[in-house]
C-alpha atoms as a PDB file:
ATOM      1  CA  UNK A   1      94.517  65.019  57.935  1.00  0.00           C
ATOM      2  CA  UNK A   2      96.435  65.769  60.875  1.00  0.00           C
ATOM      3  CA  UNK A   3      95.888  69.008  62.658  1.00  0.00           C
ATOM      4  CA  UNK A   4      98.976  70.396  64.686  1.00  0.00           C
ATOM      5  CA  UNK A   5      96.730  71.775  67.651  1.00  0.00           C
ATOM      6  CA  UNK A   6      99.689  73.668  69.365  1.00  0.00           C
ATOM      7  CA  UNK A   7     100.588  75.573  66.173  1.00  0.00           C
ATOM      8  CA  UNK A   8      97.083  76.188  66.016  1.00  0.00           C
ATOM      9  CA  UNK A   9      96.925  77.670  69.312  1.00  0.00           C
ATOM     10  CA  UNK A  10      99.926  79.336  68.848  1.00  0.00           C
ATOM     11  CA  UNK A  11      98.848  81.408  65.960  1.00  0.00           C
ATOM     12  CA  UNK A  12      95.425  81.926  67.843  1.00  0.00           C
ATOM     13  CA  UNK A  13      97.259  83.428  71.230  1.00  0.00           C
ATOM     14  CA  UNK A  14      99.435  85.403  68.498  1.00  0.00           C
ATOM     15  CA  UNK A  15      96.757  86.580  66.627  1.00  0.00           C
ATOM     16  CA  UNK A  16      95.044  88.113  69.889  1.00  0.00           C
ATOM     17  CA  UNK A  17      97.585  89.451  71.539  1.00  0.00           C
ATOM     18  CA  UNK A  18      98.764  91.339  67.978  1.00  0.00           C
ATOM     19  CA  UNK A  19      95.658  91.725  66.553  1.00  0.00           C
ATOM     20  CA  UNK A  20      93.985  93.261  69.855  1.00  0.00           C
ATOM     21  CA  UNK A  21      96.822  94.437  72.090  1.00  0.00           C
ATOM     22  CA  UNK A  22      98.770  96.737  69.507  1.00  0.00           C
ATOM     23  CA  UNK A  23      94.942  98.751  68.964  1.00  0.00           C
ATOM     24  CA  UNK A  24      94.546  98.768  72.278  1.00  0.00           C
ATOM     25  CA  UNK A  25      97.925  99.849  73.356  1.00  0.00           C
ATOM     26  CA  UNK A  26      97.359 102.775  70.534  1.00  0.00           C
ATOM     27  CA  UNK A  27      94.066 103.657  72.170  1.00  0.00           C
ATOM     28  CA  UNK A  28      95.404 103.754  75.317  1.00  0.00           C
ATOM     29  CA  UNK A  29      98.295 106.124  74.062  1.00  0.00           C
ATOM     30  CA  UNK A  30      95.767 108.395  72.431  1.00  0.00           C
ATOM     31  CA  UNK A  31      93.590 108.431  75.783  1.00  0.00           C
ATOM     32  CA  UNK A  32      96.865 109.461  78.039  1.00  0.00           C
ATOM     33  CA  UNK A  33      97.435 112.123  75.983  1.00  0.00           C
ATOM     34  CA  UNK A  34      93.535 113.693  75.513  1.00  0.00           C
ATOM     35  CA  UNK A  35      93.255 115.705  78.594  1.00  0.00           C
ATOM     36  CA  UNK A  36      90.185 118.413  79.191  1.00  0.00           C
ATOM     37  CA  UNK A  37      90.997 122.088  78.334  1.00  0.00           C
ATOM     38  CA  UNK A  38      92.571 124.087  81.367  1.00  0.00           C
ATOM     39  CA  UNK A  39      90.872 127.403  83.109  1.00  0.00           C
ATOM     40  CA  UNK A  40      92.910 129.394  80.371  1.00  0.00           C
ATOM     41  CA  UNK A  41      91.530 126.759  77.646  1.00  0.00           C
ATOM     42  CA  UNK A  42      95.314 125.367  76.849  1.00  0.00           C
ATOM     43  CA  UNK A  43      95.611 121.267  76.653  1.00  0.00           C
ATOM     44  CA  UNK A  44      98.889 120.396  77.627  1.00  0.00           C
ATOM     45  CA  UNK A  45      98.910 116.958  78.803  1.00  0.00           C
ATOM     46  CA  UNK A  46     101.768 116.576  82.193  1.00  0.00           C
ATOM     47  CA  UNK A  47     105.038 115.125  81.299  1.00  0.00           C
ATOM     48  CA  UNK A  48     104.110 111.775  82.783  1.00  0.00           C
ATOM     49  CA  UNK A  49     101.075 111.399  80.877  1.00  0.00           C
ATOM     50  CA  UNK A  50     103.783 112.291  77.621  1.00  0.00           C
ATOM     51  CA  UNK A  51     106.100 109.900  78.882  1.00  0.00           C
ATOM     52  CA  UNK A  52     103.416 107.305  79.376  1.00  0.00           C
ATOM     53  CA  UNK A  53     101.663 107.846  76.091  1.00  0.00           C
ATOM     54  CA  UNK A  54     105.102 107.951  74.188  1.00  0.00           C
ATOM     55  CA  UNK A  55     106.329 104.802  75.788  1.00  0.00           C
ATOM     56  CA  UNK A  56     103.082 102.926  74.360  1.00  0.00           C
ATOM     57  CA  UNK A  57     103.642 104.584  70.921  1.00  0.00           C
ATOM     58  CA  UNK A  58     107.159 103.067  71.296  1.00  0.00           C
ATOM     59  CA  UNK A  59     106.034  99.675  72.122  1.00  0.00           C
ATOM     60  CA  UNK A  60     104.288  99.859  69.131  1.00  0.00           C
ATOM     61  CA  UNK A  61     106.722 100.925  66.977  1.00  0.00           C
ATOM     62  CA  UNK A  62     109.181  98.506  68.373  1.00  0.00           C
ATOM     63  CA  UNK A  63     106.305  95.725  67.247  1.00  0.00           C
ATOM     64  CA  UNK A  64     106.367  96.747  63.879  1.00  0.00           C
ATOM     65  CA  UNK A  65     109.592  97.187  63.191  1.00  0.00           C
ATOM     66  CA  UNK A  66     110.603  93.672  64.868  1.00  0.00           C
ATOM     67  CA  UNK A  67     107.678  92.029  62.414  1.00  0.00           C
ATOM     68  CA  UNK A  68     109.051  93.664  59.396  1.00  0.00           C
ATOM     69  CA  UNK A  69     112.875  92.631  60.278  1.00  0.00           C
ATOM     70  CA  UNK A  70     111.179  89.141  61.105  1.00  0.00           C
ATOM     71  CA  UNK A  71     109.236  89.083  57.906  1.00  0.00           C
ATOM     72  CA  UNK A  72     112.621  90.408  55.765  1.00  0.00           C
ATOM     73  CA  UNK A  73     114.863  87.411  57.389  1.00  0.00           C
ATOM     74  CA  UNK A  74     112.741  85.037  56.256  1.00  0.00           C
ATOM     75  CA  UNK A  75     110.078  84.395  58.740  1.00  0.00           C
ATOM     76  CA  UNK A  76     111.499  81.577  60.222  1.00  0.00           C
END
């Protein structure tokens, strides 16, 4: 039995990045949109917060679409 250590390391690294990185990025986007209520009781995140949050969500969407395209093209 011959173990390809470089392939195993690659799978582990990508698994950690995708398995923990994308959920962490999603949590960061949600946290960025969560603001305390103002004096009038309204919750309006600033433009910078909205842009940052939607940038996080955009990266996640691109990663998902990229993965689907990769798998659909044969995954090689």
